[in-house]
Amino acid sequence: MGHFFGLRHSWASQVQMLFQSAEDVRRLSEGLEVILLRETESPMIIDSESVNWHWIDVIVRTVHSAKADQA
């Protein structure tokens, strides 16, 4: 399970932080079973400043083969 900042997040210009696209998260999840991949974007007001929140939620699990289950 994880949460990633999206590329359209207001903080995306912060060089000390990492931001991903939904496609980036799909690539990071290769070899795993994706249970949920949800991209959300929502404007918010924080400390009187308008902020665009863009994030990606993901839930993955390992893929078990039939051979592994028989061992």
Foldseek 3Di string as FASTA:
>chain_A
DDKFFACPWQCNVPPVHDHYHLVVVVVVQPQWAWPDWDWDWDWDADPNDITITIMIDTDTGHDDDPVNVVD
